[in-house]
Amino acid sequence: MKENRAIKKTLIAFLFFITLTIPKVYGFDMVIIPITFYEMRGTNFIQGNNGKNITKDIENQLSRYYNVRISMEQLSDQRAGATDFDAKRTADRYQVNEVLYGALRQNGSQLSAEIRIFSLQNEQIKQIFASDSNEMYERLVNTLCAHVFDWYRTNIDKVDLLRNEVRDLRAEINAINEKSAEKVKLEKAKARLEAIENVNKTFSLKVPISVGYWSYVENEWAEIIQETVEVTTGIRMYPKLQFPEIFNMKNELSLGLRLGYRNGVTGTRNNLIMNGILINPSLGYHFNVYSNNYLSLCAGMFFELGFWEIEDQGESIHFQQTLTGYTLGLDYSYQFNRMFSVNFGVDFYGYFTQGSSTVVKTYFGTVITVLGGNND
């Protein structure tokens, strides 16, 4: 019996180690060389400062999905700004494949930007151009980042940028509505808004893995079963259902099936070992409360098959027990990128059988997206 207990503890420790050490392997590394600002003075563009930090603004958007750093290397020609030679040298210096650099020019009330992406792997340069008015600086940055995402074929990541553009378009529509003479612009803006809002969600499939501690709520049961641990995995499906935002929060529905292994031992009353297998279908509702932070509510049913072993005065008693009940759960997760997130939470298990104590479980784990991911 002691050997079996040691094997189980070793297995649990191994699974716990796997849960904590899954690497963040998704995404890519990029270095940004500070973008040079020029303003028109007379007939020439002169380096200046418009009070904005477009380099930092682009980094903030790209770093939500990728590993982005800003280079502090000295340029070969400070007046000329970053050149292709500087980009190649920066890629070698930081050991990355992509380097972003370019210039922002202001001519009166207009802004124009030229962004370049140097690829060390094939030594090719992608050029991105965008222009807008001074008042629409944020939209200009969003447009540039959208083109960068499109260059890497990550249209999924453009959803947040599209949402910002929807907000700007709503403001334009409200302003145009006040001017009856501009009905043509109103129709064009409405058409653009409808096209953006019709971004379709796609089906996605995720695999949660967690390790937790469980305990009976009632003291009488808690004294019988101690040193309790549970390992859980399963699948969670996110269907193509589009819900309106609630208080500016994205929200979505999911269907899940969890499989769990539950272990408990005690030495206070004889010598007892309990091994349990749980099957738990559930329905989840997820709220994107802020940036990459998600809060989830889950409810479902469960089936538990328990294997009990009790030693009493030298005799060993074995028996099985099947139970059913309901589950309620609250979960918080932080999404590092579209494919990987970490989470922790609490679950409550209520039994339909009279006399059985409610079980509460706290856990820590990770969620891996194996299919889709457009909903994030």
Protein backbone atom coordinates (compact mmCIF):
# COMPACT_ATOMS: atom_id res chain seq x y z
CA MET A 1 0.00 0.00 0.00
CA LYS A 2 2.85 2.43 0.79
CA GLU A 3 4.41 1.66 -2.61
CA ASN A 4 1.10 2.44 -4.36
CA ARG A 5 0.80 5.70 -2.44
CA ALA A 6 4.35 6.71 -3.44
CA ILE A 7 3.65 5.95 -7.11
CA LYS A 8 0.48 8.07 -7.03
CA LYS A 9 2.26 11.01 -5.42
CA THR A 10 5.07 10.78 -8.00
CA LEU A 11 2.54 10.80 -10.85
CA ILE A 12 0.72 13.80 -9.39
CA ALA A 13 3.98 15.72 -8.92
CA PHE A 14 4.96 14.97 -12.54
CA LEU A 15 1.63 16.25 -13.89
CA PHE A 16 1.91 19.35 -11.73
CA PHE A 17 5.40 19.99 -13.12
CA ILE A 18 4.11 19.70 -16.70
CA THR A 19 1.31 22.17 -15.95
CA LEU A 20 3.69 24.81 -14.63
CA THR A 21 6.41 24.43 -17.25
CA ILE A 22 4.54 24.51 -20.55
CA PRO A 23 6.58 27.10 -22.47
CA LYS A 24 5.30 30.17 -24.24
CA VAL A 25 6.37 29.13 -27.73
CA TYR A 26 3.80 30.98 -29.76
CA GLY A 27 4.41 34.32 -31.45
CA PHE A 28 7.66 35.85 -32.68
CA ASP A 29 10.33 38.32 -31.61
CA MET A 30 10.53 41.79 -33.13
CA VAL A 31 12.75 44.81 -32.46
CA ILE A 32 11.59 48.36 -33.24
CA ILE A 33 14.12 51.05 -34.14
CA PRO A 34 12.72 54.41 -32.95
CA ILE A 35 10.66 56.00 -35.73
CA THR A 36 11.91 59.42 -36.82
CA PHE A 37 9.50 62.38 -36.92
CA TYR A 38 9.82 65.10 -39.57
CA GLU A 39 7.82 68.30 -40.00
CA MET A 40 7.62 70.56 -43.07
CA ARG A 41 9.42 73.84 -42.62
CA GLY A 42 9.42 75.95 -45.74
CA THR A 43 10.13 73.54 -48.58
CA ASN A 44 12.02 70.89 -46.58
CA PHE A 45 11.24 68.27 -43.96
CA ILE A 46 13.18 68.84 -40.72
CA GLN A 47 13.48 66.47 -37.76
CA GLY A 48 11.32 67.58 -34.87
CA ASN A 49 8.98 66.47 -32.09
CA ASN A 50 5.19 66.46 -32.30
CA GLY A 51 4.66 65.50 -28.66
CA LYS A 52 3.70 61.93 -29.60
CA ASN A 53 5.70 58.73 -29.22
CA ILE A 54 4.63 56.66 -32.20
CA THR A 55 7.34 54.09 -31.49
CA LYS A 56 5.91 53.37 -28.03
CA ASP A 57 2.33 53.41 -29.32
CA ILE A 58 3.12 50.78 -31.97
CA GLU A 59 5.03 48.70 -29.42
CA ASN A 60 2.03 48.73 -27.03
CA GLN A 61 -0.27 47.29 -29.69
CA LEU A 62 2.13 44.69 -31.11
CA SER A 63 3.34 43.51 -27.68
CA ARG A 64 -0.18 42.36 -26.79
CA TYR A 65 0.46 39.36 -29.04
CA TYR A 66 4.21 39.26 -29.70
CA ASN A 67 7.55 39.77 -27.96
CA VAL A 68 8.52 43.32 -28.93
CA ARG A 69 11.49 45.41 -27.83
CA ILE A 70 12.70 48.90 -28.71
CA SER A 71 16.31 49.20 -29.86
CA MET A 72 18.56 51.71 -28.12
CA GLU A 73 21.44 51.26 -30.61
CA GLN A 74 23.12 54.34 -32.10
CA LEU A 75 22.10 54.95 -35.74
CA SER A 76 24.74 55.19 -38.47
CA ASP A 77 23.34 58.61 -39.46
CA GLN A 78 21.16 60.29 -36.84
CA ARG A 79 19.91 62.96 -39.26
CA ALA A 80 18.86 60.47 -41.91
CA GLY A 81 17.03 58.27 -39.40
CA ALA A 82 17.07 54.49 -39.44
CA THR A 83 18.28 52.93 -42.69
CA ASP A 84 18.20 49.40 -44.11
CA PHE A 85 21.80 49.01 -42.94
CA ASP A 86 20.75 49.92 -39.38
CA ALA A 87 17.93 47.36 -39.57
CA LYS A 88 20.28 44.53 -40.63
CA ARG A 89 22.78 45.47 -37.95
CA THR A 90 20.00 45.56 -35.30
CA ALA A 91 18.70 42.13 -36.37
CA ASP A 92 22.21 40.70 -35.97
CA ARG A 93 22.69 42.49 -32.66
CA TYR A 94 19.43 41.26 -31.07
CA GLN A 95 19.36 37.89 -32.86
CA VAL A 96 15.84 38.41 -34.21
CA ASN A 97 14.36 37.91 -37.67
CA GLU A 98 12.15 41.03 -37.88
CA VAL A 99 13.08 44.67 -37.37
CA LEU A 100 10.53 47.50 -37.74
CA TYR A 101 11.62 51.07 -38.51
CA GLY A 102 10.55 54.09 -40.56
CA ALA A 103 9.48 57.72 -40.48
CA LEU A 104 6.46 59.89 -39.63
CA ARG A 105 6.07 63.16 -41.57
CA GLN A 106 3.79 66.11 -40.82
CA ASN A 107 2.85 68.54 -43.58
CA GLY A 108 0.43 71.12 -42.26
CA SER A 109 -2.64 69.26 -40.93
CA GLN A 110 -1.71 65.94 -42.55
CA LEU A 111 0.36 63.04 -41.23
CA SER A 112 1.97 60.42 -43.42
CA ALA A 113 3.92 57.38 -42.23
CA GLU A 114 6.25 54.96 -43.96
CA ILE A 115 7.01 51.82 -41.97
CA ARG A 116 9.49 49.16 -43.07
CA ILE A 117 9.83 45.58 -41.82
CA PHE A 118 13.23 44.02 -42.46
CA SER A 119 13.32 40.21 -42.52
CA LEU A 120 16.76 38.81 -41.76
CA GLN A 121 15.84 35.32 -42.91
CA ASN A 122 15.32 36.25 -46.56
CA GLU A 123 16.73 39.81 -46.41
CA GLN A 124 13.50 41.26 -47.79
CA ILE A 125 11.87 44.54 -46.82
CA LYS A 126 8.11 45.06 -46.52
CA GLN A 127 6.94 48.69 -46.91
CA ILE A 128 3.76 49.94 -45.24
CA PHE A 129 2.26 53.35 -45.96
CA ALA A 130 -0.56 55.19 -44.18
CA SER A 131 -1.78 58.77 -43.91
CA ASP A 132 -4.41 60.68 -41.93
CA SER A 133 -5.12 64.07 -40.41
CA ASN A 134 -3.38 65.31 -37.25
CA GLU A 135 -6.60 64.85 -35.26
CA MET A 136 -6.75 61.17 -36.25
CA TYR A 137 -3.28 60.22 -34.99
CA GLU A 138 -4.59 57.19 -33.04
CA ARG A 139 -6.39 55.88 -36.12
CA LEU A 140 -3.17 56.24 -38.10
CA VAL A 141 -1.34 54.09 -35.53
CA ASN A 142 -4.16 51.51 -35.60
CA THR A 143 -3.97 51.37 -39.40
CA LEU A 144 -0.21 50.83 -39.36
CA CYS A 145 -0.51 48.02 -36.79
CA ALA A 146 -3.34 46.41 -38.75
CA HIS A 147 -1.06 46.28 -41.80
CA VAL A 148 1.70 44.72 -39.70
CA PHE A 149 -0.72 42.04 -38.43
CA ASP A 150 -1.88 41.43 -41.98
CA TRP A 151 1.73 41.05 -43.15
CA TYR A 152 2.13 38.17 -40.69
CA ARG A 153 -1.26 36.75 -41.74
CA THR A 154 -2.77 37.13 -38.27
CA ASN A 155 -6.13 38.60 -39.19
CA ILE A 156 -7.43 37.26 -35.89
CA ASP A 157 -5.30 39.80 -34.04
CA LYS A 158 -6.94 42.65 -35.96
CA VAL A 159 -10.26 42.25 -34.12
CA ASP A 160 -9.24 44.68 -31.37
CA LEU A 161 -8.02 47.18 -33.95
CA LEU A 162 -11.29 46.87 -35.85
CA ARG A 163 -13.18 47.51 -32.63
CA ASN A 164 -11.28 50.78 -32.18
CA GLU A 165 -12.10 51.75 -35.73
CA VAL A 166 -15.78 50.98 -35.07
CA ARG A 167 -15.63 53.42 -32.17
CA ASP A 168 -14.13 56.12 -34.41
CA LEU A 169 -16.70 55.46 -37.12
CA ARG A 170 -19.54 55.78 -34.61
CA ALA A 171 -18.17 59.19 -33.64
CA GLU A 172 -18.01 60.19 -37.31
CA ILE A 173 -21.61 59.05 -37.90
CA ASN A 174 -22.88 61.07 -34.93
CA ALA A 175 -21.06 64.16 -36.16
CA ILE A 176 -22.33 63.74 -39.73
CA ASN A 177 -25.91 63.25 -38.49
CA GLU A 178 -25.87 66.80 -37.17
CA LYS A 179 -25.17 68.13 -40.67
CA SER A 180 -28.00 67.34 -43.07
CA ALA A 181 -25.88 68.58 -45.98
CA GLU A 182 -23.50 65.63 -45.56
CA LYS A 183 -25.95 62.74 -46.01
CA VAL A 184 -23.69 61.06 -48.57
CA LYS A 185 -20.84 60.81 -46.07
CA LEU A 186 -23.26 59.40 -43.50
CA GLU A 187 -24.25 56.51 -45.78
CA LYS A 188 -20.63 55.72 -46.58
CA ALA A 189 -19.66 55.70 -42.91
CA LYS A 190 -22.62 53.46 -42.03
CA ALA A 191 -21.62 51.01 -44.75
CA ARG A 192 -18.07 50.83 -43.44
CA LEU A 193 -19.37 50.31 -39.88
CA GLU A 194 -21.64 47.44 -40.91
CA ALA A 195 -18.79 45.76 -42.80
CA ILE A 196 -16.51 45.93 -39.77
CA GLU A 197 -19.14 44.79 -37.28
CA ASN A 198 -19.82 41.72 -39.41
CA VAL A 199 -16.46 40.20 -38.49
CA ASN A 200 -17.34 36.54 -38.04
CA LYS A 201 -16.29 34.52 -35.05
CA THR A 202 -15.03 31.04 -35.79
CA PHE A 203 -15.23 27.79 -33.89
CA SER A 204 -12.34 27.17 -31.50
CA LEU A 205 -11.24 24.22 -29.37
CA LYS A 206 -9.19 24.52 -26.17
CA VAL A 207 -7.61 22.03 -23.75
CA PRO A 208 -7.51 23.00 -20.03
CA ILE A 209 -5.05 21.31 -17.65
CA SER A 210 -5.10 22.01 -13.91
CA VAL A 211 -3.91 20.76 -10.53
CA GLY A 212 -5.90 21.59 -7.41
CA TYR A 213 -6.63 20.96 -3.73
CA TRP A 214 -10.11 19.75 -2.73
CA SER A 215 -11.83 19.36 0.62
CA TYR A 216 -15.22 18.57 2.08
CA VAL A 217 -17.05 21.58 3.50
CA GLU A 218 -18.52 19.82 6.55
CA ASN A 219 -16.01 19.22 9.36
CA GLU A 220 -17.10 15.62 9.93
CA TRP A 221 -16.22 14.68 6.37
CA ALA A 222 -13.11 16.88 6.29
CA GLU A 223 -11.68 15.03 9.29
CA ILE A 224 -12.10 11.70 7.51
CA ILE A 225 -10.43 12.68 4.23
CA GLN A 226 -7.24 14.74 4.30
CA GLU A 227 -4.17 15.33 2.10
CA THR A 228 -6.39 15.74 -0.95
CA VAL A 229 -5.32 16.56 -4.52
CA GLU A 230 -7.04 16.57 -7.92
CA VAL A 231 -5.69 16.61 -11.50
CA THR A 232 -8.06 17.64 -14.28
CA THR A 233 -7.95 17.92 -18.07
CA GLY A 234 -10.53 17.95 -20.83
CA ILE A 235 -11.78 19.97 -23.80
CA ARG A 236 -13.75 23.20 -24.14
CA MET A 237 -15.51 24.19 -27.36
CA TYR A 238 -16.37 27.78 -28.33
CA PRO A 239 -19.12 27.75 -31.02
CA LYS A 240 -19.72 30.40 -33.69
CA LEU A 241 -22.16 32.47 -31.64
CA GLN A 242 -21.86 36.26 -31.76
CA PHE A 243 -23.09 38.05 -28.62
CA PRO A 244 -23.33 41.83 -28.17
CA GLU A 245 -20.89 43.46 -25.77
CA ILE A 246 -21.94 43.92 -22.13
CA PHE A 247 -20.58 47.11 -20.55
CA ASN A 248 -17.98 47.20 -23.38
CA MET A 249 -16.84 43.67 -22.51
CA LYS A 250 -16.54 40.89 -25.09
CA ASN A 251 -18.40 37.80 -23.96
CA GLU A 252 -18.87 34.30 -25.31
CA LEU A 253 -20.34 30.89 -24.53
CA SER A 254 -18.54 27.55 -24.32
CA LEU A 255 -19.33 23.87 -23.86
CA GLY A 256 -16.85 21.72 -21.96
CA LEU A 257 -16.12 18.21 -20.82
CA ARG A 258 -13.65 17.71 -17.96
CA LEU A 259 -12.05 14.47 -16.81
CA GLY A 260 -10.53 14.44 -13.33
CA TYR A 261 -8.59 12.18 -11.01
CA ARG A 262 -9.17 12.77 -7.28
CA ASN A 263 -7.06 11.35 -4.45
CA GLY A 264 -7.49 11.55 -0.68
CA VAL A 265 -5.89 9.81 2.32
CA THR A 266 -6.11 10.00 6.09
CA GLY A 267 -4.47 8.51 9.13
CA THR A 268 -6.78 9.84 11.82
CA ARG A 269 -9.45 7.17 11.44
CA ASN A 270 -7.92 3.77 10.76
CA ASN A 271 -6.02 4.06 7.46
CA LEU A 272 -8.05 5.18 4.44
CA ILE A 273 -7.30 5.84 0.77
CA MET A 274 -9.83 7.21 -1.72
CA ASN A 275 -9.31 7.37 -5.49
CA GLY A 276 -12.00 9.00 -7.59
CA ILE A 277 -12.66 9.54 -11.29
CA LEU A 278 -14.90 12.46 -12.30
CA ILE A 279 -16.68 13.17 -15.57
CA ASN A 280 -18.01 16.73 -15.70
CA PRO A 281 -19.88 18.26 -18.70
CA SER A 282 -20.41 21.99 -18.20
CA LEU A 283 -21.60 25.23 -19.75
CA GLY A 284 -19.36 28.30 -19.47
CA TYR A 285 -19.79 32.03 -20.00
CA HIS A 286 -16.66 34.16 -20.42
CA PHE A 287 -16.14 37.91 -20.02
CA ASN A 288 -13.12 39.82 -21.37
CA VAL A 289 -13.02 42.22 -18.40
CA TYR A 290 -9.85 44.09 -19.40
CA SER A 291 -7.23 43.65 -22.11
CA ASN A 292 -5.99 40.03 -21.79
CA ASN A 293 -7.88 39.34 -18.54
CA TYR A 294 -10.87 36.99 -18.60
CA LEU A 295 -13.46 36.05 -15.96
CA SER A 296 -15.55 32.90 -16.44
CA LEU A 297 -18.65 31.40 -14.81
CA CYS A 298 -19.34 27.67 -15.26
CA ALA A 299 -22.16 25.33 -14.29
CA GLY A 300 -22.77 21.67 -15.03
CA MET A 301 -23.37 18.14 -13.83
CA PHE A 302 -20.86 15.50 -12.79
CA PHE A 303 -20.55 11.75 -12.36
CA GLU A 304 -18.08 10.43 -9.77
CA LEU A 305 -16.78 6.88 -9.44
CA GLY A 306 -14.96 6.41 -6.13
CA PHE A 307 -12.70 3.54 -5.07
CA TRP A 308 -12.29 3.29 -1.27
CA GLU A 309 -9.74 1.24 0.67
CA ILE A 310 -9.93 1.09 4.49
CA GLU A 311 -7.61 -0.77 6.86
CA ASP A 312 -9.34 -1.68 10.13
CA GLN A 313 -7.52 -3.78 12.74
CA GLY A 314 -5.35 -5.47 10.15
CA GLU A 315 -8.17 -6.10 7.70
CA SER A 316 -8.43 -4.32 4.34
CA ILE A 317 -11.90 -3.34 3.08
CA HIS A 318 -12.45 -2.37 -0.55
CA PHE A 319 -15.64 -0.92 -2.06
CA GLN A 320 -16.81 1.31 -4.89
CA GLN A 321 -19.24 4.21 -4.85
CA THR A 322 -20.98 6.10 -7.68
CA LEU A 323 -22.34 9.59 -7.10
CA THR A 324 -23.87 12.37 -9.20
CA GLY A 325 -24.35 16.05 -8.57
CA TYR A 326 -23.96 19.59 -9.88
CA THR A 327 -20.96 21.90 -10.23
CA LEU A 328 -20.53 25.68 -10.02
CA GLY A 329 -17.25 27.40 -10.82
CA LEU A 330 -15.55 30.79 -10.97
CA ASP A 331 -12.34 31.15 -13.02
CA TYR A 332 -9.82 33.91 -13.79
CA SER A 333 -7.38 33.59 -16.71
CA TYR A 334 -4.65 35.73 -18.25
CA GLN A 335 -4.06 35.26 -21.97
CA PHE A 336 -0.43 35.60 -23.04
CA ASN A 337 -1.35 35.12 -26.71
CA ARG A 338 -4.04 33.47 -28.83
CA MET A 339 -2.71 29.99 -28.05
CA PHE A 340 -1.69 29.99 -24.37
CA SER A 341 -3.10 31.30 -21.08
CA VAL A 342 -2.80 30.56 -17.34
CA ASN A 343 -5.76 30.40 -14.97
CA PHE A 344 -6.84 29.77 -11.40
CA GLY A 345 -10.23 29.47 -9.75
CA VAL A 346 -12.61 27.67 -7.41
CA ASP A 347 -15.19 24.92 -8.06
CA PHE A 348 -18.07 23.71 -5.89
CA TYR A 349 -19.42 20.15 -6.12
CA GLY A 350 -22.88 19.50 -4.66
CA TYR A 351 -24.10 15.90 -4.38
CA PHE A 352 -27.67 14.79 -5.07
CA THR A 353 -27.26 12.09 -2.39
CA GLN A 354 -28.49 13.08 1.07
CA GLY A 355 -25.86 13.09 3.77
CA SER A 356 -22.96 13.80 1.36
CA SER A 357 -20.95 16.93 2.07
CA THR A 358 -20.35 19.61 -0.57
CA VAL A 359 -16.79 19.67 -1.94
CA VAL A 360 -14.84 22.86 -2.67
CA LYS A 361 -11.76 22.80 -4.91
CA THR A 362 -9.17 25.50 -5.65
CA TYR A 363 -6.87 25.01 -8.64
CA PHE A 364 -4.16 26.45 -10.85
CA GLY A 365 -3.55 25.52 -14.46
CA THR A 366 -3.15 26.42 -18.11
CA VAL A 367 -5.35 26.47 -21.22
CA ILE A 368 -3.98 25.64 -24.67
CA THR A 369 -5.84 26.49 -27.91
CA VAL A 370 -5.51 23.63 -30.40
CA LEU A 371 -7.95 24.87 -33.04
CA GLY A 372 -9.22 28.30 -34.07
CA GLY A 373 -8.64 31.13 -31.61
CA ASN A 374 -10.45 33.88 -33.57
CA ASN A 375 -12.76 34.56 -30.61
CA ASP A 376 -10.00 36.06 -28.43
